[in-house]
Amino acid sequence: MNEFATHVNRRPQRIGLFPRLAAWVVDQIAMSMCVFYMAWKGWDLGQDMSQRLGLDEFLAMYAPMEDALIAAGIAGGLIALLAASAVVGGLYPLIEGVTGASPGKWLLGLHVGRDDGGRGDVGLFLKRMLIKSIQSVLVLASGLTGVALLGLLAGPAGLVIQVGTLLMLAPHRQALHDKLAQTAVYRRRELQSAGPRA
């Protein structure tokens, strides 16, 4: 009985840089495939965007790339590719924000949990996602509110979070966004067997 209790209450091991880097690579490949599929299919994302934003000068500057994309089968060209990138770049992180595991983490058996080894919830996952994506969040907030200062802060804030990923090399194995959100990444099976913690 005592051995069973010790097993159930054991704290799972945090995952460091290299498994998380592998999950990130899988996610980047999956996101790229989604972007190219959406751009290839068209879905009229690009036409609406180019008409609203008045991107004639932009398209003229990138005309050779536009011609190459159209020749490759992406009918909407550069605008379709940019629109698909914006949609996928905005929605893909929500997968991890809602479930606690991006597709890359899920494939490698990783999952986000509380920094004390307990399982997380949607609120915790979303908080982590917002901190991790602070650059995009500030750019979006700037665009929606018209407060230019938020856009100016986006670059430095994003850089701090990106450099903060090197903290995964420390003994605590938490990136800066994990520290701020009070999360860590674990093997899914260990996190599930660890039991809930308050």
C-alpha atoms as a PDB file:
ATOM      1  CA  MET A   1       0.000   0.000   0.000  1.00  0.00           C
ATOM      2  CA  ASN A   2       2.766   2.452   0.937  1.00  0.00           C
ATOM      3  CA  GLU A   3       4.685   1.622  -2.278  1.00  0.00           C
ATOM      4  CA  PHE A   4       1.532   2.376  -4.318  1.00  0.00           C
ATOM      5  CA  ALA A   5       1.063   5.756  -2.596  1.00  0.00           C
ATOM      6  CA  THR A   6       4.700   6.667  -3.255  1.00  0.00           C
ATOM      7  CA  HIS A   7       4.298   5.789  -6.958  1.00  0.00           C
ATOM      8  CA  VAL A   8       1.091   7.834  -7.308  1.00  0.00           C
ATOM      9  CA  ASN A   9       2.511  10.933  -5.588  1.00  0.00           C
ATOM     10  CA  ARG A  10       5.892  10.856  -7.338  1.00  0.00           C
ATOM     11  CA  ARG A  11       6.752  14.106  -9.113  1.00  0.00           C
ATOM     12  CA  PRO A  12       7.279  13.643 -12.878  1.00  0.00           C
ATOM     13  CA  GLN A  13      10.589  14.650 -14.476  1.00  0.00           C
ATOM     14  CA  ARG A  14      10.567  17.903 -16.428  1.00  0.00           C
ATOM     15  CA  ILE A  15      11.567  17.705 -20.079  1.00  0.00           C
ATOM     16  CA  GLY A  16      14.525  19.781 -21.238  1.00  0.00           C
ATOM     17  CA  LEU A  17      15.608  21.416 -24.457  1.00  0.00           C
ATOM     18  CA  PHE A  18      16.160  18.639 -26.989  1.00  0.00           C
ATOM     19  CA  PRO A  19      12.810  16.782 -26.843  1.00  0.00           C
ATOM     20  CA  ARG A  20      11.037  20.143 -26.859  1.00  0.00           C
ATOM     21  CA  LEU A  21      13.162  21.287 -29.800  1.00  0.00           C
ATOM     22  CA  ALA A  22      12.190  18.118 -31.680  1.00  0.00           C
ATOM     23  CA  ALA A  23       8.508  18.846 -30.982  1.00  0.00           C
ATOM     24  CA  TRP A  24       9.014  22.411 -32.231  1.00  0.00           C
ATOM     25  CA  VAL A  25      10.527  21.104 -35.496  1.00  0.00           C
ATOM     26  CA  VAL A  26       7.523  18.796 -35.992  1.00  0.00           C
ATOM     27  CA  ASP A  27       5.203  21.751 -35.340  1.00  0.00           C
ATOM     28  CA  GLN A  28       7.045  23.975 -37.827  1.00  0.00           C
ATOM     29  CA  ILE A  29       6.761  21.284 -40.515  1.00  0.00           C
ATOM     30  CA  ALA A  30       3.051  20.775 -39.765  1.00  0.00           C
ATOM     31  CA  MET A  31       2.381  24.524 -39.818  1.00  0.00           C
ATOM     32  CA  SER A  32       4.230  24.922 -43.134  1.00  0.00           C
ATOM     33  CA  MET A  33       2.230  22.090 -44.649  1.00  0.00           C
ATOM     34  CA  CYS A  34      -1.017  23.703 -43.466  1.00  0.00           C
ATOM     35  CA  VAL A  35       0.000  27.092 -44.882  1.00  0.00           C
ATOM     36  CA  PHE A  36       0.953  25.688 -48.277  1.00  0.00           C
ATOM     37  CA  TYR A  37      -2.194  23.547 -48.436  1.00  0.00           C
ATOM     38  CA  MET A  38      -4.430  26.522 -47.622  1.00  0.00           C
ATOM     39  CA  ALA A  39      -2.599  28.764 -50.093  1.00  0.00           C
ATOM     40  CA  TRP A  40      -2.699  26.060 -52.775  1.00  0.00           C
ATOM     41  CA  LYS A  41      -6.433  25.511 -52.253  1.00  0.00           C
ATOM     42  CA  GLY A  42      -6.993  29.255 -52.367  1.00  0.00           C
ATOM     43  CA  TRP A  43     -10.031  29.626 -50.103  1.00  0.00           C
ATOM     44  CA  ASP A  44     -10.201  33.294 -51.293  1.00  0.00           C
ATOM     45  CA  LEU A  45      -8.216  34.466 -48.282  1.00  0.00           C
ATOM     46  CA  GLY A  46      -5.807  36.485 -50.363  1.00  0.00           C
ATOM     47  CA  GLN A  47      -8.161  38.431 -52.620  1.00  0.00           C
ATOM     48  CA  ASP A  48     -10.132  39.887 -49.739  1.00  0.00           C
ATOM     49  CA  MET A  49      -6.944  40.846 -47.891  1.00  0.00           C
ATOM     50  CA  SER A  50      -5.253  42.522 -50.864  1.00  0.00           C
ATOM     51  CA  GLN A  51      -8.342  44.578 -51.709  1.00  0.00           C
ATOM     52  CA  ARG A  52      -8.805  45.778 -48.128  1.00  0.00           C
ATOM     53  CA  LEU A  53      -5.191  46.681 -47.474  1.00  0.00           C
ATOM     54  CA  GLY A  54      -4.341  48.246 -50.850  1.00  0.00           C
ATOM     55  CA  LEU A  55      -1.254  46.129 -51.459  1.00  0.00           C
ATOM     56  CA  ASP A  56      -0.688  47.075 -55.105  1.00  0.00           C
ATOM     57  CA  GLU A  57       2.797  48.510 -54.458  1.00  0.00           C
ATOM     58  CA  PHE A  58       3.726  45.489 -52.358  1.00  0.00           C
ATOM     59  CA  LEU A  59       2.660  43.105 -55.130  1.00  0.00           C
ATOM     60  CA  ALA A  60       4.529  45.137 -57.750  1.00  0.00           C
ATOM     61  CA  MET A  61       7.721  44.901 -55.693  1.00  0.00           C
ATOM     62  CA  TYR A  62       7.405  41.117 -55.359  1.00  0.00           C
ATOM     63  CA  ALA A  63       6.125  40.448 -58.890  1.00  0.00           C
ATOM     64  CA  PRO A  64       8.790  37.791 -59.715  1.00  0.00           C
ATOM     65  CA  MET A  65       7.902  35.851 -56.567  1.00  0.00           C
ATOM     66  CA  GLU A  66       4.204  36.256 -57.366  1.00  0.00           C
ATOM     67  CA  ASP A  67       4.759  34.779 -60.842  1.00  0.00           C
ATOM     68  CA  ALA A  68       6.761  31.857 -59.412  1.00  0.00           C
ATOM     69  CA  LEU A  69       4.066  31.048 -56.826  1.00  0.00           C
ATOM     70  CA  ILE A  70       1.318  31.164 -59.437  1.00  0.00           C
ATOM     71  CA  ALA A  71       3.397  28.925 -61.737  1.00  0.00           C
ATOM     72  CA  ALA A  72       3.816  26.500 -58.810  1.00  0.00           C
ATOM     73  CA  GLY A  73       0.043  26.183 -58.511  1.00  0.00           C
ATOM     74  CA  ILE A  74      -0.731  28.706 -55.775  1.00  0.00           C
ATOM     75  CA  ALA A  75      -3.421  30.597 -57.663  1.00  0.00           C
ATOM     76  CA  GLY A  76      -3.674  33.423 -55.117  1.00  0.00           C
ATOM     77  CA  GLY A  77       0.077  33.984 -55.231  1.00  0.00           C
ATOM     78  CA  LEU A  78       1.913  35.827 -52.493  1.00  0.00           C
ATOM     79  CA  ILE A  79      -1.213  37.286 -50.894  1.00  0.00           C
ATOM     80  CA  ALA A  80      -2.750  33.820 -50.525  1.00  0.00           C
ATOM     81  CA  LEU A  81       0.478  32.587 -48.948  1.00  0.00           C
ATOM     82  CA  LEU A  82       0.615  35.526 -46.520  1.00  0.00           C
ATOM     83  CA  ALA A  83      -3.062  35.204 -45.618  1.00  0.00           C
ATOM     84  CA  ALA A  84      -2.709  31.470 -44.991  1.00  0.00           C
ATOM     85  CA  SER A  85       0.373  32.165 -42.859  1.00  0.00           C
ATOM     86  CA  ALA A  86      -1.579  34.668 -40.774  1.00  0.00           C
ATOM     87  CA  VAL A  87      -4.489  32.271 -40.254  1.00  0.00           C
ATOM     88  CA  VAL A  88      -2.323  29.252 -39.400  1.00  0.00           C
ATOM     89  CA  GLY A  89       0.070  31.334 -37.274  1.00  0.00           C
ATOM     90  CA  GLY A  90      -2.869  32.610 -35.256  1.00  0.00           C
ATOM     91  CA  LEU A  91      -4.807  29.383 -34.872  1.00  0.00           C
ATOM     92  CA  TYR A  92      -2.084  26.723 -34.528  1.00  0.00           C
ATOM     93  CA  PRO A  93      -0.845  27.896 -31.096  1.00  0.00           C
ATOM     94  CA  LEU A  94      -4.429  27.647 -29.829  1.00  0.00           C
ATOM     95  CA  ILE A  95      -4.178  23.859 -30.084  1.00  0.00           C
ATOM     96  CA  GLU A  96      -1.582  23.840 -27.314  1.00  0.00           C
ATOM     97  CA  GLY A  97      -3.399  26.665 -25.542  1.00  0.00           C
ATOM     98  CA  VAL A  98      -6.546  24.567 -25.251  1.00  0.00           C
ATOM     99  CA  THR A  99      -5.178  21.014 -24.936  1.00  0.00           C
ATOM    100  CA  GLY A 100      -1.767  21.474 -23.305  1.00  0.00           C
ATOM    101  CA  ALA A 101       0.078  19.804 -26.177  1.00  0.00           C
ATOM    102  CA  SER A 102       0.842  21.010 -29.680  1.00  0.00           C
ATOM    103  CA  PRO A 103       0.691  18.308 -32.362  1.00  0.00           C
ATOM    104  CA  GLY A 104       4.502  18.031 -32.138  1.00  0.00           C
ATOM    105  CA  LYS A 105       4.398  17.581 -28.366  1.00  0.00           C
ATOM    106  CA  TRP A 106       1.533  15.115 -28.696  1.00  0.00           C
ATOM    107  CA  LEU A 107       3.419  12.993 -31.250  1.00  0.00           C
ATOM    108  CA  LEU A 108       6.474  12.894 -28.967  1.00  0.00           C
ATOM    109  CA  GLY A 109       4.417  12.094 -25.860  1.00  0.00           C
ATOM    110  CA  LEU A 110       4.953  15.469 -24.172  1.00  0.00           C
ATOM    111  CA  HIS A 111       2.424  17.608 -22.308  1.00  0.00           C
ATOM    112  CA  VAL A 112       2.322  20.883 -20.407  1.00  0.00           C
ATOM    113  CA  GLY A 113       1.561  20.678 -16.700  1.00  0.00           C
ATOM    114  CA  ARG A 114       1.889  22.766 -13.567  1.00  0.00           C
ATOM    115  CA  ASP A 115       5.411  23.536 -12.408  1.00  0.00           C
ATOM    116  CA  ASP A 116       4.820  21.406  -9.295  1.00  0.00           C
ATOM    117  CA  GLY A 117       4.171  18.328 -11.453  1.00  0.00           C
ATOM    118  CA  GLY A 118       0.377  18.473 -11.386  1.00  0.00           C
ATOM    119  CA  ARG A 119      -1.866  18.377 -14.405  1.00  0.00           C
ATOM    120  CA  GLY A 120      -2.891  21.694 -15.899  1.00  0.00           C
ATOM    121  CA  ASP A 121      -6.192  23.045 -17.140  1.00  0.00           C
ATOM    122  CA  VAL A 122      -7.301  25.170 -20.073  1.00  0.00           C
ATOM    123  CA  GLY A 123      -6.812  28.415 -18.138  1.00  0.00           C
ATOM    124  CA  LEU A 124      -3.203  27.510 -17.370  1.00  0.00           C
ATOM    125  CA  PHE A 125      -2.531  26.394 -20.949  1.00  0.00           C
ATOM    126  CA  LEU A 126      -3.998  29.621 -22.370  1.00  0.00           C
ATOM    127  CA  LYS A 127      -1.974  31.772 -19.949  1.00  0.00           C
ATOM    128  CA  ARG A 128       1.203  29.996 -21.065  1.00  0.00           C
ATOM    129  CA  MET A 129       0.275  30.376 -24.737  1.00  0.00           C
ATOM    130  CA  LEU A 130      -0.351  34.128 -24.357  1.00  0.00           C
ATOM    131  CA  ILE A 131       2.990  34.639 -22.606  1.00  0.00           C
ATOM    132  CA  LYS A 132       4.837  32.474 -25.132  1.00  0.00           C
ATOM    133  CA  SER A 133       3.185  34.379 -28.015  1.00  0.00           C
ATOM    134  CA  ILE A 134       3.605  37.847 -26.458  1.00  0.00           C
ATOM    135  CA  GLN A 135       4.993  39.354 -29.668  1.00  0.00           C
ATOM    136  CA  SER A 136       1.918  38.379 -31.705  1.00  0.00           C
ATOM    137  CA  VAL A 137      -0.406  39.341 -28.845  1.00  0.00           C
ATOM    138  CA  LEU A 138       1.082  42.849 -28.628  1.00  0.00           C
ATOM    139  CA  VAL A 139       0.973  43.356 -32.412  1.00  0.00           C
ATOM    140  CA  LEU A 140      -2.674  42.263 -32.467  1.00  0.00           C
ATOM    141  CA  ALA A 141      -3.502  44.484 -29.493  1.00  0.00           C
ATOM    142  CA  SER A 142      -1.791  47.413 -31.214  1.00  0.00           C
ATOM    143  CA  GLY A 143      -3.780  46.848 -34.391  1.00  0.00           C
ATOM    144  CA  LEU A 144      -7.094  46.503 -32.564  1.00  0.00           C
ATOM    145  CA  THR A 145      -6.622  49.456 -30.205  1.00  0.00           C
ATOM    146  CA  GLY A 146      -4.552  51.777 -32.380  1.00  0.00           C
ATOM    147  CA  VAL A 147      -1.991  52.158 -29.566  1.00  0.00           C
ATOM    148  CA  ALA A 148       1.302  52.227 -31.476  1.00  0.00           C
ATOM    149  CA  LEU A 149       3.366  51.759 -28.299  1.00  0.00           C
ATOM    150  CA  LEU A 150       2.082  48.183 -27.998  1.00  0.00           C
ATOM    151  CA  GLY A 151       3.439  47.437 -31.472  1.00  0.00           C
ATOM    152  CA  LEU A 152       6.777  48.984 -30.569  1.00  0.00           C
ATOM    153  CA  LEU A 153       7.016  46.817 -27.444  1.00  0.00           C
ATOM    154  CA  ALA A 154       6.222  43.637 -29.407  1.00  0.00           C
ATOM    155  CA  GLY A 155       9.736  43.168 -30.818  1.00  0.00           C
ATOM    156  CA  PRO A 156      11.653  43.537 -27.541  1.00  0.00           C
ATOM    157  CA  ALA A 157       9.096  41.465 -25.618  1.00  0.00           C
ATOM    158  CA  GLY A 158       9.274  38.693 -28.217  1.00  0.00           C
ATOM    159  CA  LEU A 159      13.061  38.758 -28.117  1.00  0.00           C
ATOM    160  CA  VAL A 160      13.094  38.408 -24.322  1.00  0.00           C
ATOM    161  CA  ILE A 161      10.783  35.375 -24.509  1.00  0.00           C
ATOM    162  CA  GLN A 162      12.832  33.803 -27.331  1.00  0.00           C
ATOM    163  CA  VAL A 163      16.139  34.262 -25.511  1.00  0.00           C
ATOM    164  CA  GLY A 164      14.397  33.013 -22.366  1.00  0.00           C
ATOM    165  CA  THR A 165      13.954  29.601 -23.989  1.00  0.00           C
ATOM    166  CA  LEU A 166      17.632  29.014 -23.198  1.00  0.00           C
ATOM    167  CA  LEU A 167      16.585  28.663 -19.551  1.00  0.00           C
ATOM    168  CA  MET A 168      15.520  25.128 -20.530  1.00  0.00           C
ATOM    169  CA  LEU A 169      19.219  24.286 -20.262  1.00  0.00           C
ATOM    170  CA  ALA A 170      19.177  25.160 -16.540  1.00  0.00           C
ATOM    171  CA  PRO A 171      18.527  22.422 -13.948  1.00  0.00           C
ATOM    172  CA  HIS A 172      14.877  23.513 -13.558  1.00  0.00           C
ATOM    173  CA  ARG A 173      14.264  22.856 -17.312  1.00  0.00           C
ATOM    174  CA  GLN A 174      11.775  25.672 -17.702  1.00  0.00           C
ATOM    175  CA  ALA A 175      11.805  28.318 -20.409  1.00  0.00           C
ATOM    176  CA  LEU A 176      11.056  31.887 -19.361  1.00  0.00           C
ATOM    177  CA  HIS A 177       7.451  31.548 -20.549  1.00  0.00           C
ATOM    178  CA  ASP A 178       7.120  28.436 -18.353  1.00  0.00           C
ATOM    179  CA  LYS A 179       8.545  30.284 -15.350  1.00  0.00           C
ATOM    180  CA  LEU A 180       6.141  33.189 -15.866  1.00  0.00           C
ATOM    181  CA  ALA A 181       3.127  30.917 -16.402  1.00  0.00           C
ATOM    182  CA  GLN A 182       4.184  28.500 -13.617  1.00  0.00           C
ATOM    183  CA  THR A 183       4.251  25.547 -16.014  1.00  0.00           C
ATOM    184  CA  ALA A 184       6.690  22.883 -17.178  1.00  0.00           C
ATOM    185  CA  VAL A 185       6.706  20.204 -19.877  1.00  0.00           C
ATOM    186  CA  TYR A 186       6.603  16.523 -18.913  1.00  0.00           C
ATOM    187  CA  ARG A 187       6.203  13.121 -20.508  1.00  0.00           C
ATOM    188  CA  ARG A 188       2.447  12.667 -20.888  1.00  0.00           C
ATOM    189  CA  ARG A 189       2.418   9.215 -19.276  1.00  0.00           C
ATOM    190  CA  GLU A 190       4.347  10.440 -16.217  1.00  0.00           C
ATOM    191  CA  LEU A 191       2.097  13.469 -15.835  1.00  0.00           C
ATOM    192  CA  GLN A 192      -1.019  11.301 -16.034  1.00  0.00           C
ATOM    193  CA  SER A 193       0.277   8.835 -13.442  1.00  0.00           C
ATOM    194  CA  ALA A 194       1.449  11.588 -11.088  1.00  0.00           C
ATOM    195  CA  GLY A 195      -2.118  12.408 -10.105  1.00  0.00           C
ATOM    196  CA  PRO A 196      -3.653  15.863  -9.659  1.00  0.00           C
ATOM    197  CA  ARG A 197      -2.042  18.472  -7.416  1.00  0.00           C
ATOM    198  CA  ALA A 198      -3.686  21.583  -6.094  1.00  0.00           C
END
